[in-house]
PDB file of N, CA and C in Angstrom:
ATOM      1  N   MET A   1       6.429 -11.595  -5.404  1.00  0.00           N
ATOM      2  CA  MET A   1       5.166 -11.210  -6.642  1.00  0.00           C
ATOM      3  C   MET A   1       5.817 -12.213  -7.637  1.00  0.00           C
ATOM      4  N   LYS A   2       4.715 -12.452  -8.639  1.00  0.00           N
ATOM      5  CA  LYS A   2       4.717 -13.471 -10.020  1.00  0.00           C
ATOM      6  C   LYS A   2       5.100 -12.171 -10.564  1.00  0.00           C
ATOM      7  N   ILE A   3       6.275 -12.831 -11.859  1.00  0.00           N
ATOM      8  CA  ILE A   3       7.000 -11.839 -12.395  1.00  0.00           C
ATOM      9  C   ILE A   3       6.270 -11.614 -13.956  1.00  0.00           C
ATOM     10  N   GLU A   4       5.319 -12.274 -13.965  1.00  0.00           N
ATOM     11  CA  GLU A   4       4.196 -11.327 -14.564  1.00  0.00           C
ATOM     12  C   GLU A   4       3.032  -9.997 -13.866  1.00  0.00           C
ATOM     13  N   LEU A   5       3.044 -10.221 -12.884  1.00  0.00           N
ATOM     14  CA  LEU A   5       2.404  -8.942 -12.090  1.00  0.00           C
ATOM     15  C   LEU A   5       3.408  -8.297 -12.291  1.00  0.00           C
ATOM     16  N   LEU A   6       4.800  -8.261 -11.563  1.00  0.00           N
ATOM     17  CA  LEU A   6       5.869  -7.637 -12.105  1.00  0.00           C
ATOM     18  C   LEU A   6       5.895  -6.437 -13.271  1.00  0.00           C
ATOM     19  N   ASN A   7       5.979  -7.223 -14.046  1.00  0.00           N
ATOM     20  CA  ASN A   7       5.786  -6.802 -15.402  1.00  0.00           C
ATOM     21  C   ASN A   7       4.906  -5.826 -15.864  1.00  0.00           C
ATOM     22  N   ALA A   8       3.636  -6.078 -15.287  1.00  0.00           N
ATOM     23  CA  ALA A   8       2.733  -5.263 -15.467  1.00  0.00           C
ATOM     24  C   ALA A   8       2.660  -4.263 -15.148  1.00  0.00           C
ATOM     25  N   VAL A   9       3.260  -4.241 -13.599  1.00  0.00           N
ATOM     26  CA  VAL A   9       3.100  -3.358 -12.349  1.00  0.00           C
ATOM     27  C   VAL A   9       3.841  -2.151 -12.683  1.00  0.00           C
ATOM     28  N   ASP A  10       5.137  -2.727 -13.848  1.00  0.00           N
ATOM     29  CA  ASP A  10       6.792  -1.992 -14.432  1.00  0.00           C
ATOM     30  C   ASP A  10       6.223  -0.857 -15.302  1.00  0.00           C
ATOM     31  N   GLN A  11       5.229  -1.896 -16.211  1.00  0.00           N
ATOM     32  CA  GLN A  11       4.638  -1.066 -17.745  1.00  0.00           C
ATOM     33  C   GLN A  11       4.049   0.440 -17.052  1.00  0.00           C
ATOM     34  N   GLU A  12       3.174  -0.078 -16.049  1.00  0.00           N
ATOM     35  CA  GLU A  12       1.927   1.098 -15.762  1.00  0.00           C
ATOM     36  C   GLU A  12       3.380   2.019 -14.831  1.00  0.00           C
ATOM     37  N   LEU A  13       4.022   1.999 -14.362  1.00  0.00           N
ATOM     38  CA  LEU A  13       5.241   3.048 -13.312  1.00  0.00           C
ATOM     39  C   LEU A  13       5.790   3.512 -14.865  1.00  0.00           C
ATOM     40  N   GLU A  14       6.325   3.159 -15.929  1.00  0.00           N
ATOM     41  CA  GLU A  14       6.969   3.689 -16.575  1.00  0.00           C
ATOM     42  C   GLU A  14       5.743   4.690 -17.945  1.00  0.00           C
ATOM     43  N   MET A  15       4.255   3.965 -18.165  1.00  0.00           N
ATOM     44  CA  MET A  15       3.395   4.969 -18.651  1.00  0.00           C
ATOM     45  C   MET A  15       3.023   6.142 -17.635  1.00  0.00           C
ATOM     46  N   TYR A  16       3.011   5.835 -16.313  1.00  0.00           N
ATOM     47  CA  TYR A  16       2.518   6.459 -15.565  1.00  0.00           C
ATOM     48  C   TYR A  16       2.933   6.878 -14.222  1.00  0.00           C
ATOM     49  N   PRO A  17       4.424   7.206 -14.208  1.00  0.00           N
ATOM     50  CA  PRO A  17       5.057   6.961 -13.099  1.00  0.00           C
ATOM     51  C   PRO A  17       4.671   8.494 -11.804  1.00  0.00           C
ATOM     52  N   GLU A  18       3.571   9.201 -12.123  1.00  0.00           N
ATOM     53  CA  GLU A  18       2.978  10.112 -11.151  1.00  0.00           C
ATOM     54  C   GLU A  18       1.550   9.528 -10.628  1.00  0.00           C
ATOM     55  N   ALA A  19       1.699   8.017 -10.923  1.00  0.00           N
ATOM     56  CA  ALA A  19       0.666   7.348 -10.065  1.00  0.00           C
ATOM     57  C   ALA A  19       1.400   6.665  -9.318  1.00  0.00           C
ATOM     58  N   PHE A  20       2.489   6.846  -9.005  1.00  0.00           N
ATOM     59  CA  PHE A  20       2.990   5.696  -7.722  1.00  0.00           C
ATOM     60  C   PHE A  20       3.864   6.836  -7.141  1.00  0.00           C
ATOM     61  N   GLY A  21       4.173   6.178  -5.815  1.00  0.00           N
ATOM     62  CA  GLY A  21       4.787   7.285  -4.817  1.00  0.00           C
ATOM     63  C   GLY A  21       6.101   7.325  -4.773  1.00  0.00           C
ATOM     64  N   GLY A  22       6.737   6.456  -5.290  1.00  0.00           N
ATOM     65  CA  GLY A  22       8.048   6.222  -5.249  1.00  0.00           C
ATOM     66  C   GLY A  22       8.804   5.306  -4.654  1.00  0.00           C
ATOM     67  N   ALA A  23       9.697   4.958  -4.209  1.00  0.00           N
ATOM     68  CA  ALA A  23      10.188   3.377  -3.568  1.00  0.00           C
ATOM     69  C   ALA A  23      10.692   4.463  -2.247  1.00  0.00           C
ATOM     70  N   VAL A  24      10.787   3.330  -1.261  1.00  0.00           N
ATOM     71  CA  VAL A  24      10.537   3.557  -0.006  1.00  0.00           C
ATOM     72  C   VAL A  24      11.782   2.548   0.645  1.00  0.00           C
ATOM     73  N   ASP A  25      12.870   2.772   1.573  1.00  0.00           N
ATOM     74  CA  ASP A  25      13.676   2.179   1.836  1.00  0.00           C
ATOM     75  C   ASP A  25      13.613   1.203   3.241  1.00  0.00           C
ATOM     76  N   SER A  26      13.972   0.035   3.421  1.00  0.00           N
ATOM     77  CA  SER A  26      13.634  -0.860   4.756  1.00  0.00           C
ATOM     78  C   SER A  26      13.394  -0.622   5.924  1.00  0.00           C
ATOM     79  N   GLU A  27      14.054   0.758   6.240  1.00  0.00           N
ATOM     80  CA  GLU A  27      13.527   0.962   7.658  1.00  0.00           C
ATOM     81  C   GLU A  27      12.525   1.880   7.714  1.00  0.00           C
ATOM     82  N   GLU A  28      11.832   2.170   6.479  1.00  0.00           N
ATOM     83  CA  GLU A  28      10.514   2.911   6.503  1.00  0.00           C
ATOM     84  C   GLU A  28       9.339   1.372   6.944  1.00  0.00           C
ATOM     85  N   VAL A  29       9.884   0.329   5.797  1.00  0.00           N
ATOM     86  CA  VAL A  29       8.877  -0.584   5.818  1.00  0.00           C
ATOM     87  C   VAL A  29       8.949  -1.233   7.544  1.00  0.00           C
ATOM     88  N   ILE A  30      10.097  -1.323   8.076  1.00  0.00           N
ATOM     89  CA  ILE A  30      10.146  -1.726   9.889  1.00  0.00           C
ATOM     90  C   ILE A  30       9.478  -1.193  10.307  1.00  0.00           C
ATOM     91  N   GLN A  31       9.505   0.618  10.396  1.00  0.00           N
ATOM     92  CA  GLN A  31       9.027   1.080  11.199  1.00  0.00           C
ATOM     93  C   GLN A  31       7.471   1.262  11.096  1.00  0.00           C
ATOM     94  N   ALA A  32       6.661   0.627   9.618  1.00  0.00           N
ATOM     95  CA  ALA A  32       5.060   0.517   9.375  1.00  0.00           C
ATOM     96  C   ALA A  32       4.984  -0.619  10.591  1.00  0.00           C
ATOM     97  N   GLU A  33       5.669  -1.353   9.940  1.00  0.00           N
ATOM     98  CA  GLU A  33       5.473  -2.519  10.997  1.00  0.00           C
ATOM     99  C   GLU A  33       5.739  -2.737  12.572  1.00  0.00           C
ATOM    100  N   ALA A  34       6.480  -1.877  13.045  1.00  0.00           N
ATOM    101  CA  ALA A  34       6.362  -1.314  14.097  1.00  0.00           C
ATOM    102  C   ALA A  34       5.213  -1.233  14.487  1.00  0.00           C
ATOM    103  N   LYS A  35       4.764   0.216  13.971  1.00  0.00           N
ATOM    104  CA  LYS A  35       3.900   1.171  14.618  1.00  0.00           C
ATOM    105  C   LYS A  35       2.165   0.169  14.337  1.00  0.00           C
ATOM    106  N   LEU A  36       2.276  -1.019  13.542  1.00  0.00           N
ATOM    107  CA  LEU A  36       0.834  -1.492  13.376  1.00  0.00           C
ATOM    108  C   LEU A  36       1.341  -2.916  14.114  1.00  0.00           C
ATOM    109  N   LYS A  37       2.625  -3.181  14.793  1.00  0.00           N
ATOM    110  CA  LYS A  37       2.507  -4.406  15.235  1.00  0.00           C
ATOM    111  C   LYS A  37       2.652  -5.590  14.682  1.00  0.00           C
ATOM    112  N   VAL A  38       2.728  -5.794  13.376  1.00  0.00           N
ATOM    113  CA  VAL A  38       2.507  -6.554  12.547  1.00  0.00           C
ATOM    114  C   VAL A  38       3.478  -6.745  11.836  1.00  0.00           C
ATOM    115  N   LYS A  39       3.198  -8.450  10.633  1.00  0.00           N
ATOM    116  CA  LYS A  39       4.442  -8.667  10.184  1.00  0.00           C
ATOM    117  C   LYS A  39       4.224  -8.876   8.477  1.00  0.00           C
ATOM    118  N   LEU A  40       4.519  -7.936   7.954  1.00  0.00           N
ATOM    119  CA  LEU A  40       3.778  -7.884   6.228  1.00  0.00           C
ATOM    120  C   LEU A  40       4.186  -8.806   5.573  1.00  0.00           C
ATOM    121  N   PRO A  41       3.430  -9.190   5.034  1.00  0.00           N
ATOM    122  CA  PRO A  41       3.432  -9.936   3.865  1.00  0.00           C
ATOM    123  C   PRO A  41       4.826  -9.836   2.811  1.00  0.00           C
ATOM    124  N   GLU A  42       5.415 -11.018   2.561  1.00  0.00           N
ATOM    125  CA  GLU A  42       6.852 -10.284   1.939  1.00  0.00           C
ATOM    126  C   GLU A  42       6.619  -9.643   0.268  1.00  0.00           C
ATOM    127  N   ASP A  43       5.797 -10.029  -0.337  1.00  0.00           N
ATOM    128  CA  ASP A  43       5.001  -9.434  -1.557  1.00  0.00           C
ATOM    129  C   ASP A  43       4.824  -7.500  -1.396  1.00  0.00           C
ATOM    130  N   PHE A  44       4.180  -8.185  -0.212  1.00  0.00           N
ATOM    131  CA  PHE A  44       3.641  -6.041  -0.019  1.00  0.00           C
ATOM    132  C   PHE A  44       4.683  -5.757   0.561  1.00  0.00           C
ATOM    133  N   LYS A  45       5.760  -6.224   1.142  1.00  0.00           N
ATOM    134  CA  LYS A  45       6.974  -5.075   1.323  1.00  0.00           C
ATOM    135  C   LYS A  45       7.905  -5.035   0.162  1.00  0.00           C
ATOM    136  N   ARG A  46       7.895  -5.764  -0.894  1.00  0.00           N
ATOM    137  CA  ARG A  46       8.716  -5.741  -2.065  1.00  0.00           C
ATOM    138  C   ARG A  46       8.229  -4.457  -3.053  1.00  0.00           C
ATOM    139  N   PHE A  47       6.583  -4.983  -2.882  1.00  0.00           N
ATOM    140  CA  PHE A  47       5.926  -3.390  -3.537  1.00  0.00           C
ATOM    141  C   PHE A  47       6.205  -2.481  -3.255  1.00  0.00           C
ATOM    142  N   LEU A  48       5.960  -1.944  -1.495  1.00  0.00           N
ATOM    143  CA  LEU A  48       6.202  -0.556  -1.047  1.00  0.00           C
ATOM    144  C   LEU A  48       8.176  -0.302  -1.523  1.00  0.00           C
ATOM    145  N   LEU A  49       8.747  -1.090  -1.012  1.00  0.00           N
ATOM    146  CA  LEU A  49      10.532  -0.978  -1.730  1.00  0.00           C
ATOM    147  C   LEU A  49      10.363  -0.605  -2.858  1.00  0.00           C
ATOM    148  N   ARG A  50       9.575  -0.863  -3.740  1.00  0.00           N
ATOM    149  CA  ARG A  50       9.736  -0.394  -5.383  1.00  0.00           C
ATOM    150  C   ARG A  50       8.998   0.433  -5.974  1.00  0.00           C
ATOM    151  N   TYR A  51       7.678   0.349  -5.455  1.00  0.00           N
ATOM    152  CA  TYR A  51       7.049   0.909  -5.839  1.00  0.00           C
ATOM    153  C   TYR A  51       6.320   2.500  -5.075  1.00  0.00           C
ATOM    154  N   GLY A  52       6.335   2.045  -3.757  1.00  0.00           N
ATOM    155  CA  GLY A  52       6.056   3.085  -2.683  1.00  0.00           C
ATOM    156  C   GLY A  52       4.204   2.911  -2.428  1.00  0.00           C
ATOM    157  N   SER A  53       3.722   2.909  -3.528  1.00  0.00           N
ATOM    158  CA  SER A  53       2.071   2.631  -3.939  1.00  0.00           C
ATOM    159  C   SER A  53       1.952   3.286  -4.861  1.00  0.00           C
ATOM    160  N   GLY A  54       0.708   3.094  -5.280  1.00  0.00           N
ATOM    161  CA  GLY A  54       0.187   3.168  -6.508  1.00  0.00           C
ATOM    162  C   GLY A  54      -1.188   3.007  -7.443  1.00  0.00           C
ATOM    163  N   ALA A  55      -1.213   3.415  -8.376  1.00  0.00           N
ATOM    164  CA  ALA A  55      -2.576   3.218  -9.289  1.00  0.00           C
ATOM    165  C   ALA A  55      -2.385   2.109 -10.356  1.00  0.00           C
ATOM    166  N   ILE A  56      -2.814   1.260 -10.149  1.00  0.00           N
ATOM    167  CA  ILE A  56      -1.897   0.329 -11.496  1.00  0.00           C
ATOM    168  C   ILE A  56      -3.847  -0.161 -11.599  1.00  0.00           C
ATOM    169  N   GLY A  57      -3.905   0.291 -13.134  1.00  0.00           N
ATOM    170  CA  GLY A  57      -5.633   0.069 -13.867  1.00  0.00           C
ATOM    171  C   GLY A  57      -6.193   1.107 -12.594  1.00  0.00           C
ATOM    172  N   GLU A  58      -7.305   0.427 -12.710  1.00  0.00           N
ATOM    173  CA  GLU A  58      -8.134   0.815 -11.653  1.00  0.00           C
ATOM    174  C   GLU A  58      -8.071   0.779  -9.968  1.00  0.00           C
ATOM    175  N   ALA A  59      -6.818  -0.043 -10.014  1.00  0.00           N
ATOM    176  CA  ALA A  59      -7.001  -0.732  -8.439  1.00  0.00           C
ATOM    177  C   ALA A  59      -5.751   0.676  -7.826  1.00  0.00           C
ATOM    178  N   VAL A  60      -5.936   1.031  -6.654  1.00  0.00           N
ATOM    179  CA  VAL A  60      -5.194   2.041  -5.709  1.00  0.00           C
ATOM    180  C   VAL A  60      -4.061   1.073  -4.604  1.00  0.00           C
ATOM    181  N   VAL A  61      -3.557   0.729  -4.630  1.00  0.00           N
ATOM    182  CA  VAL A  61      -2.639   0.356  -3.588  1.00  0.00           C
ATOM    183  C   VAL A  61      -1.838   1.140  -2.429  1.00  0.00           C
ATOM    184  N   LEU A  62      -2.576   0.911  -1.618  1.00  0.00           N
ATOM    185  CA  LEU A  62      -1.900   2.327  -0.845  1.00  0.00           C
ATOM    186  C   LEU A  62      -0.435   1.985  -0.321  1.00  0.00           C
ATOM    187  N   GLY A  63       0.519   2.798   0.439  1.00  0.00           N
ATOM    188  CA  GLY A  63       1.963   2.344   0.882  1.00  0.00           C
ATOM    189  C   GLY A  63       2.069   3.929   1.717  1.00  0.00           C
ATOM    190  N   LEU A  64       3.910   3.798   1.696  1.00  0.00           N
ATOM    191  CA  LEU A  64       4.124   4.752   2.342  1.00  0.00           C
ATOM    192  C   LEU A  64       4.621   6.180   1.880  1.00  0.00           C
ATOM    193  N   ARG A  65       3.945   6.509   0.532  1.00  0.00           N
ATOM    194  CA  ARG A  65       4.373   7.680  -0.147  1.00  0.00           C
ATOM    195  C   ARG A  65       2.779   7.879  -1.092  1.00  0.00           C
ATOM    196  N   GLU A  66       2.708   9.111  -1.263  1.00  0.00           N
ATOM    197  CA  GLU A  66       1.937   9.705  -1.829  1.00  0.00           C
ATOM    198  C   GLU A  66       2.082   9.875  -3.080  1.00  0.00           C
ATOM    199  N   ALA A  67       1.409   9.461  -3.975  1.00  0.00           N
ATOM    200  CA  ALA A  67       1.580   9.574  -5.381  1.00  0.00           C
ATOM    201  C   ALA A  67       0.701  11.057  -5.713  1.00  0.00           C
ATOM    202  N   GLU A  68       1.318  11.531  -6.786  1.00  0.00           N
ATOM    203  CA  GLU A  68       1.081  12.829  -7.427  1.00  0.00           C
ATOM    204  C   GLU A  68      -0.262  13.080  -7.976  1.00  0.00           C
ATOM    205  N   PHE A  69      -0.204  11.813  -8.985  1.00  0.00           N
ATOM    206  CA  PHE A  69      -1.364  11.770 -10.001  1.00  0.00           C
ATOM    207  C   PHE A  69      -2.634  10.901  -8.841  1.00  0.00           C
ATOM    208  N   VAL A  70      -2.584  10.366  -8.055  1.00  0.00           N
ATOM    209  CA  VAL A  70      -3.560   9.747  -7.255  1.00  0.00           C
ATOM    210  C   VAL A  70      -3.875   9.650  -5.866  1.00  0.00           C
ATOM    211  N   SER A  71      -5.035   9.991  -5.300  1.00  0.00           N
ATOM    212  CA  SER A  71      -4.527   9.429  -3.694  1.00  0.00           C
ATOM    213  C   SER A  71      -4.256   8.298  -3.322  1.00  0.00           C
ATOM    214  N   THR A  72      -2.758   8.085  -2.331  1.00  0.00           N
ATOM    215  CA  THR A  72      -2.548   7.031  -1.756  1.00  0.00           C
ATOM    216  C   THR A  72      -2.224   7.565  -0.620  1.00  0.00           C
ATOM    217  N   PRO A  73      -2.818   7.022   0.183  1.00  0.00           N
ATOM    218  CA  PRO A  73      -2.830   7.941   1.849  1.00  0.00           C
ATOM    219  C   PRO A  73      -2.058   6.486   2.122  1.00  0.00           C
ATOM    220  N   SER A  74      -1.169   6.977   3.595  1.00  0.00           N
ATOM    221  CA  SER A  74      -0.361   6.097   3.934  1.00  0.00           C
ATOM    222  C   SER A  74      -1.095   4.592   4.456  1.00  0.00           C
ATOM    223  N   PHE A  75      -1.099   3.112   4.136  1.00  0.00           N
ATOM    224  CA  PHE A  75      -1.728   2.354   4.681  1.00  0.00           C
ATOM    225  C   PHE A  75      -1.831   2.268   6.519  1.00  0.00           C
ATOM    226  N   VAL A  76      -0.462   2.589   6.871  1.00  0.00           N
ATOM    227  CA  VAL A  76      -0.620   2.772   8.439  1.00  0.00           C
ATOM    228  C   VAL A  76      -1.442   3.404   8.872  1.00  0.00           C
ATOM    229  N   ASP A  77      -1.875   4.711   8.440  1.00  0.00           N
ATOM    230  CA  ASP A  77      -2.973   5.703   8.485  1.00  0.00           C
ATOM    231  C   ASP A  77      -4.475   4.764   8.225  1.00  0.00           C
ATOM    232  N   LYS A  78      -4.113   4.554   7.007  1.00  0.00           N
ATOM    233  CA  LYS A  78      -5.550   3.561   6.854  1.00  0.00           C
ATOM    234  C   LYS A  78      -5.767   2.934   7.625  1.00  0.00           C
ATOM    235  N   SER A  79      -4.705   1.909   8.626  1.00  0.00           N
ATOM    236  CA  SER A  79      -5.398   0.921   8.817  1.00  0.00           C
ATOM    237  C   SER A  79      -5.446   1.240  10.035  1.00  0.00           C
ATOM    238  N   ILE A  80      -4.973   1.894  10.865  1.00  0.00           N
ATOM    239  CA  ILE A  80      -5.126   2.299  12.218  1.00  0.00           C
ATOM    240  C   ILE A  80      -6.674   2.689  12.262  1.00  0.00           C
ATOM    241  N   GLN A  81      -7.028   4.115  11.237  1.00  0.00           N
ATOM    242  CA  GLN A  81      -8.647   4.798  11.002  1.00  0.00           C
ATOM    243  C   GLN A  81      -9.496   3.032  10.963  1.00  0.00           C
ATOM    244  N   PHE A  82      -9.402   2.199  10.431  1.00  0.00           N
ATOM    245  CA  PHE A  82     -10.356   1.254   9.928  1.00  0.00           C
ATOM    246  C   PHE A  82     -10.496   0.273  11.601  1.00  0.00           C
ATOM    247  N   ARG A  83      -9.027   0.235  12.471  1.00  0.00           N
ATOM    248  CA  ARG A  83      -9.044  -0.776  13.613  1.00  0.00           C
ATOM    249  C   ARG A  83     -10.046   0.150  14.416  1.00  0.00           C
ATOM    250  N   ASN A  84      -9.833   1.063  14.246  1.00  0.00           N
ATOM    251  CA  ASN A  84     -10.853   1.768  15.786  1.00  0.00           C
ATOM    252  C   ASN A  84     -12.354   1.468  14.933  1.00  0.00           C
ATOM    253  N   MET A  85     -12.722   1.895  14.163  1.00  0.00           N
ATOM    254  CA  MET A  85     -13.492   1.569  13.086  1.00  0.00           C
ATOM    255  C   MET A  85     -14.623   0.637  13.101  1.00  0.00           C
ATOM    256  N   LEU A  86     -13.885  -0.667  13.077  1.00  0.00           N
ATOM    257  CA  LEU A  86     -13.926  -2.256  13.298  1.00  0.00           C
ATOM    258  C   LEU A  86     -14.233  -2.918  14.629  1.00  0.00           C
ATOM    259  N   PRO A  87     -15.436  -4.016  14.813  1.00  0.00           N
ATOM    260  CA  PRO A  87     -15.116  -4.752  16.227  1.00  0.00           C
ATOM    261  C   PRO A  87     -13.870  -5.200  16.244  1.00  0.00           C
ATOM    262  N   GLN A  88     -14.022  -5.249  17.568  1.00  0.00           N
ATOM    263  CA  GLN A  88     -13.280  -6.558  18.424  1.00  0.00           C
ATOM    264  C   GLN A  88     -12.838  -7.821  17.315  1.00  0.00           C
ATOM    265  N   GLY A  89     -11.786  -7.649  17.034  1.00  0.00           N
ATOM    266  CA  GLY A  89     -10.673  -8.962  16.284  1.00  0.00           C
ATOM    267  C   GLY A  89      -9.882  -8.457  15.290  1.00  0.00           C
ATOM    268  N   TYR A  90     -10.390  -7.239  15.309  1.00  0.00           N
ATOM    269  CA  TYR A  90      -9.620  -6.614  13.927  1.00  0.00           C
ATOM    270  C   TYR A  90      -8.390  -5.687  14.215  1.00  0.00           C
ATOM    271  N   GLU A  91      -7.515  -6.158  15.066  1.00  0.00           N
ATOM    272  CA  GLU A  91      -6.703  -5.288  16.074  1.00  0.00           C
ATOM    273  C   GLU A  91      -5.093  -5.496  15.001  1.00  0.00           C
ATOM    274  N   HIS A  92      -5.241  -6.042  14.113  1.00  0.00           N
ATOM    275  CA  HIS A  92      -4.312  -6.554  13.491  1.00  0.00           C
ATOM    276  C   HIS A  92      -4.180  -6.611  11.613  1.00  0.00           C
ATOM    277  N   PHE A  93      -5.429  -6.190  11.572  1.00  0.00           N
ATOM    278  CA  PHE A  93      -5.930  -5.984  10.544  1.00  0.00           C
ATOM    279  C   PHE A  93      -5.587  -4.405   9.736  1.00  0.00           C
ATOM    280  N   VAL A  94      -4.578  -5.313   8.337  1.00  0.00           N
ATOM    281  CA  VAL A  94      -3.842  -4.209   7.714  1.00  0.00           C
ATOM    282  C   VAL A  94      -4.690  -3.862   6.215  1.00  0.00           C
ATOM    283  N   VAL A  95      -4.848  -2.463   6.076  1.00  0.00           N
ATOM    284  CA  VAL A  95      -5.238  -2.093   5.376  1.00  0.00           C
ATOM    285  C   VAL A  95      -4.626  -1.720   4.033  1.00  0.00           C
ATOM    286  N   ILE A  96      -4.627  -1.973   2.713  1.00  0.00           N
ATOM    287  CA  ILE A  96      -3.857  -2.088   1.493  1.00  0.00           C
ATOM    288  C   ILE A  96      -4.123  -1.352   0.684  1.00  0.00           C
ATOM    289  N   GLY A  97      -5.224  -1.349   0.356  1.00  0.00           N
ATOM    290  CA  GLY A  97      -6.516  -0.221  -0.505  1.00  0.00           C
ATOM    291  C   GLY A  97      -7.711  -0.195  -0.078  1.00  0.00           C
ATOM    292  N   VAL A  98      -8.868   0.974  -0.312  1.00  0.00           N
ATOM    293  CA  VAL A  98     -10.080   1.297   0.010  1.00  0.00           C
ATOM    294  C   VAL A  98     -11.082   1.099  -1.738  1.00  0.00           C
ATOM    295  N   ASP A  99     -11.737   0.221  -1.383  1.00  0.00           N
ATOM    296  CA  ASP A  99     -12.869   0.080  -2.478  1.00  0.00           C
ATOM    297  C   ASP A  99     -13.820   1.229  -3.132  1.00  0.00           C
ATOM    298  N   SER A 100     -14.041   1.479  -4.301  1.00  0.00           N
ATOM    299  CA  SER A 100     -14.975   2.795  -4.739  1.00  0.00           C
ATOM    300  C   SER A 100     -15.993   3.019  -3.421  1.00  0.00           C
ATOM    301  N   ALA A 101     -16.608   2.164  -2.681  1.00  0.00           N
ATOM    302  CA  ALA A 101     -17.859   2.588  -1.491  1.00  0.00           C
ATOM    303  C   ALA A 101     -16.816   2.641  -0.604  1.00  0.00           C
ATOM    304  N   GLY A 102     -15.474   2.579  -0.183  1.00  0.00           N
ATOM    305  CA  GLY A 102     -15.340   3.275   1.326  1.00  0.00           C
ATOM    306  C   GLY A 102     -14.602   2.158   1.857  1.00  0.00           C
ATOM    307  N   ASN A 103     -14.788   0.964   1.439  1.00  0.00           N
ATOM    308  CA  ASN A 103     -14.596  -0.111   2.203  1.00  0.00           C
ATOM    309  C   ASN A 103     -13.114  -0.793   2.401  1.00  0.00           C
ATOM    310  N   PRO A 104     -12.366  -1.282   3.336  1.00  0.00           N
ATOM    311  CA  PRO A 104     -11.580  -1.599   3.731  1.00  0.00           C
ATOM    312  C   PRO A 104     -10.519  -2.885   2.625  1.00  0.00           C
ATOM    313  N   VAL A 105      -9.812  -2.989   2.042  1.00  0.00           N
ATOM    314  CA  VAL A 105      -9.136  -3.985   1.170  1.00  0.00           C
ATOM    315  C   VAL A 105      -8.101  -4.465   1.757  1.00  0.00           C
TER     316      VAL A 105
END
């Protein structure tokens, strides 16, 4: 992650800690990758390890821990849900967010 982006997320965390799920350990990330049968991007893994999940401004990034303030369901569960709904070719699709219309991001 770019340092500017990390600084911005850290500021959000400082102002609104309840909008983040809390850090996870590397074993939880490894288990998520195994369950989804994917290798997650390093930036997303760093986000999970540091924040767990979170709301940054109006964007909600799903993770592995539910935030107190905002709905942040498991990205693993959401990925599986959308994989089952989408046509063939999305077997390795990973959902890290859901937009205001309910579409996967």
